[in-house]
Amino acid sequence: MRVFARDEMRDDRELARILASMPEKTHIGTTVWPLEGAMNFLAGRAVTRLSEPNEAIFPYDAVIIDRAGLFPLPSPLHASNRQEVGSYVILFPGAEPPRHSVDAGG
C-alpha cells in the first residue's frame, strides 16, 4: 500500500521558524488574516493584521503577504528587500531583511 501525504502546513511552519529566529523586537505585520493567530501560536510572535501592503506597512520591520495575492507594491519595495517562503512573501520595508539564523535543512 502506498500512502501519499500533502504537507499543507509546510510553508506556515517554515515561516514560523524564520519569524521565531528574528530579533525579539521585530515589528511584524501580515495581510494574510489566518497568519495573525497562527504565527502567534507557531512562532510565539505577535503579528498585526493589515488590510493591504500600502504605505501603512512602513512602520513594520517585516510584512507577510500571500504570493498568490501579490499586487502592485509601494515603489520602495523591490526584489532586494523581500524573502519568498513557499506561498508567502516576507517584505522588509527597511533597507535590508533583518539577520536571522535558520539552517537550510528541513
C-alpha atoms as a PDB file:
ATOM      1  CA  MET A   1       0.000   0.000   0.000  1.00  0.00           C
ATOM      2  CA  ARG A   2       1.301   3.451  -0.909  1.00  0.00           C
ATOM      3  CA  VAL A   3       0.293   6.474   1.086  1.00  0.00           C
ATOM      4  CA  PHE A   4       0.803   9.962  -0.271  1.00  0.00           C
ATOM      5  CA  ALA A   5       0.648  12.906   2.086  1.00  0.00           C
ATOM      6  CA  ARG A   6       0.458  16.562   1.289  1.00  0.00           C
ATOM      7  CA  ASP A   7       2.048  18.801   3.871  1.00  0.00           C
ATOM      8  CA  GLU A   8      -0.230  21.817   3.680  1.00  0.00           C
ATOM      9  CA  MET A   9       1.363  23.434   6.741  1.00  0.00           C
ATOM     10  CA  ARG A  10       4.944  23.251   5.450  1.00  0.00           C
ATOM     11  CA  ASP A  11       5.029  26.902   4.346  1.00  0.00           C
ATOM     12  CA  ASP A  12       3.474  28.045   7.636  1.00  0.00           C
ATOM     13  CA  ARG A  13       5.992  26.075   9.705  1.00  0.00           C
ATOM     14  CA  GLU A  14       8.926  27.431   7.670  1.00  0.00           C
ATOM     15  CA  LEU A  15       7.558  30.954   8.043  1.00  0.00           C
ATOM     16  CA  ALA A  16       7.207  30.401  11.805  1.00  0.00           C
ATOM     17  CA  ARG A  17      10.855  29.237  12.010  1.00  0.00           C
ATOM     18  CA  ILE A  18      12.004  32.378  10.228  1.00  0.00           C
ATOM     19  CA  LEU A  19       9.886  34.711  12.365  1.00  0.00           C
ATOM     20  CA  ALA A  20      10.943  32.996  15.595  1.00  0.00           C
ATOM     21  CA  SER A  21      14.605  33.489  14.661  1.00  0.00           C
ATOM     22  CA  MET A  22      14.228  37.249  14.112  1.00  0.00           C
ATOM     23  CA  PRO A  23      15.174  39.655  16.885  1.00  0.00           C
ATOM     24  CA  GLU A  24      12.504  39.824  19.584  1.00  0.00           C
ATOM     25  CA  LYS A  25      11.669  43.479  18.874  1.00  0.00           C
ATOM     26  CA  THR A  26      10.964  42.879  15.164  1.00  0.00           C
ATOM     27  CA  HIS A  27       7.618  44.558  14.376  1.00  0.00           C
ATOM     28  CA  ILE A  28       5.712  42.076  12.144  1.00  0.00           C
ATOM     29  CA  GLY A  29       2.533  42.584  10.126  1.00  0.00           C
ATOM     30  CA  THR A  30       0.585  40.465   7.641  1.00  0.00           C
ATOM     31  CA  THR A  31      -2.145  40.858   5.052  1.00  0.00           C
ATOM     32  CA  VAL A  32      -2.969  37.131   5.384  1.00  0.00           C
ATOM     33  CA  TRP A  33      -5.510  37.131   8.218  1.00  0.00           C
ATOM     34  CA  PRO A  34      -5.083  33.478   9.333  1.00  0.00           C
ATOM     35  CA  LEU A  35      -1.372  34.121   9.956  1.00  0.00           C
ATOM     36  CA  GLU A  36      -2.127  36.613  12.719  1.00  0.00           C
ATOM     37  CA  GLY A  37      -3.111  33.808  15.098  1.00  0.00           C
ATOM     38  CA  ALA A  38      -1.061  31.034  13.513  1.00  0.00           C
ATOM     39  CA  MET A  39       2.260  32.866  13.911  1.00  0.00           C
ATOM     40  CA  ASN A  40       1.358  33.833  17.462  1.00  0.00           C
ATOM     41  CA  PHE A  41       0.884  30.117  18.179  1.00  0.00           C
ATOM     42  CA  LEU A  42       3.612  28.559  15.973  1.00  0.00           C
ATOM     43  CA  ALA A  43       6.328  31.206  16.342  1.00  0.00           C
ATOM     44  CA  GLY A  44       5.359  32.798  19.645  1.00  0.00           C
ATOM     45  CA  ARG A  45       5.351  36.184  17.890  1.00  0.00           C
ATOM     46  CA  ALA A  46       2.797  38.980  17.862  1.00  0.00           C
ATOM     47  CA  VAL A  47       1.721  39.627  14.271  1.00  0.00           C
ATOM     48  CA  THR A  48      -0.559  42.544  13.370  1.00  0.00           C
ATOM     49  CA  ARG A  49      -3.162  42.107  10.640  1.00  0.00           C
ATOM     50  CA  LEU A  50      -3.054  44.734   7.868  1.00  0.00           C
ATOM     51  CA  SER A  51      -5.615  45.292   5.130  1.00  0.00           C
ATOM     52  CA  GLU A  52      -3.127  45.619   2.250  1.00  0.00           C
ATOM     53  CA  PRO A  53       0.566  46.340   1.658  1.00  0.00           C
ATOM     54  CA  ASN A  54       0.395  50.087   1.160  1.00  0.00           C
ATOM     55  CA  GLU A  55       2.238  52.933   2.866  1.00  0.00           C
ATOM     56  CA  ALA A  56       0.889  51.700   6.234  1.00  0.00           C
ATOM     57  CA  ILE A  57       3.499  48.903   6.183  1.00  0.00           C
ATOM     58  CA  PHE A  58       6.497  51.191   6.545  1.00  0.00           C
ATOM     59  CA  PRO A  59       6.451  51.233  10.383  1.00  0.00           C
ATOM     60  CA  TYR A  60       6.872  47.419  10.236  1.00  0.00           C
ATOM     61  CA  ASP A  61      10.175  45.578  10.044  1.00  0.00           C
ATOM     62  CA  ALA A  62       8.584  42.617   8.224  1.00  0.00           C
ATOM     63  CA  VAL A  63       5.239  42.212   6.442  1.00  0.00           C
ATOM     64  CA  ILE A  64       3.958  38.836   5.231  1.00  0.00           C
ATOM     65  CA  ILE A  65       1.778  38.703   2.132  1.00  0.00           C
ATOM     66  CA  ASP A  66       0.323  35.849   0.106  1.00  0.00           C
ATOM     67  CA  ARG A  67       2.275  35.343  -3.118  1.00  0.00           C
ATOM     68  CA  ALA A  68      -0.979  34.497  -4.973  1.00  0.00           C
ATOM     69  CA  GLY A  69      -2.433  37.849  -3.941  1.00  0.00           C
ATOM     70  CA  LEU A  70       0.698  39.777  -4.853  1.00  0.00           C
ATOM     71  CA  PHE A  71      -0.465  43.081  -6.233  1.00  0.00           C
ATOM     72  CA  PRO A  72       1.384  46.303  -7.040  1.00  0.00           C
ATOM     73  CA  LEU A  73       3.589  47.258  -4.116  1.00  0.00           C
ATOM     74  CA  PRO A  74       4.688  50.706  -2.969  1.00  0.00           C
ATOM     75  CA  SER A  75       7.685  51.714  -5.086  1.00  0.00           C
ATOM     76  CA  PRO A  76      10.353  51.444  -2.346  1.00  0.00           C
ATOM     77  CA  LEU A  77       9.708  47.706  -2.114  1.00  0.00           C
ATOM     78  CA  HIS A  78      11.757  45.846  -4.675  1.00  0.00           C
ATOM     79  CA  ALA A  79      13.397  42.457  -5.043  1.00  0.00           C
ATOM     80  CA  SER A  80      16.307  43.245  -2.732  1.00  0.00           C
ATOM     81  CA  ASN A  81      14.088  43.532   0.329  1.00  0.00           C
ATOM     82  CA  ARG A  82      11.825  40.508   0.151  1.00  0.00           C
ATOM     83  CA  GLN A  83      12.140  36.834   1.014  1.00  0.00           C
ATOM     84  CA  GLU A  84       9.996  34.122  -0.534  1.00  0.00           C
ATOM     85  CA  VAL A  85       8.785  31.380   1.791  1.00  0.00           C
ATOM     86  CA  GLY A  86       6.667  28.881  -0.127  1.00  0.00           C
ATOM     87  CA  SER A  87       3.328  30.527  -0.833  1.00  0.00           C
ATOM     88  CA  TYR A  88       4.248  33.620   1.178  1.00  0.00           C
ATOM     89  CA  VAL A  89       6.495  36.614   0.626  1.00  0.00           C
ATOM     90  CA  ILE A  90       8.054  38.496   3.532  1.00  0.00           C
ATOM     91  CA  LEU A  91       8.561  42.161   2.677  1.00  0.00           C
ATOM     92  CA  PHE A  92      11.147  44.169   4.577  1.00  0.00           C
ATOM     93  CA  PRO A  93      10.186  47.853   4.237  1.00  0.00           C
ATOM     94  CA  GLY A  94      13.600  48.861   5.638  1.00  0.00           C
ATOM     95  CA  ALA A  95      16.826  48.681   3.669  1.00  0.00           C
ATOM     96  CA  GLU A  96      17.663  45.011   4.333  1.00  0.00           C
ATOM     97  CA  PRO A  97      15.998  41.929   5.787  1.00  0.00           C
ATOM     98  CA  PRO A  98      16.829  41.528   9.484  1.00  0.00           C
ATOM     99  CA  ARG A  99      19.506  38.944  10.146  1.00  0.00           C
ATOM    100  CA  HIS A 100      18.204  35.639  11.436  1.00  0.00           C
ATOM    101  CA  SER A 101      19.659  32.199  11.757  1.00  0.00           C
ATOM    102  CA  VAL A 102      17.718  29.462  10.012  1.00  0.00           C
ATOM    103  CA  ASP A 103      19.517  26.376   8.819  1.00  0.00           C
ATOM    104  CA  ALA A 104      18.890  25.351   5.216  1.00  0.00           C
ATOM    105  CA  GLY A 105      17.782  21.866   6.183  1.00  0.00           C
ATOM    106  CA  GLY A 106      14.165  20.869   6.612  1.00  0.00           C
END
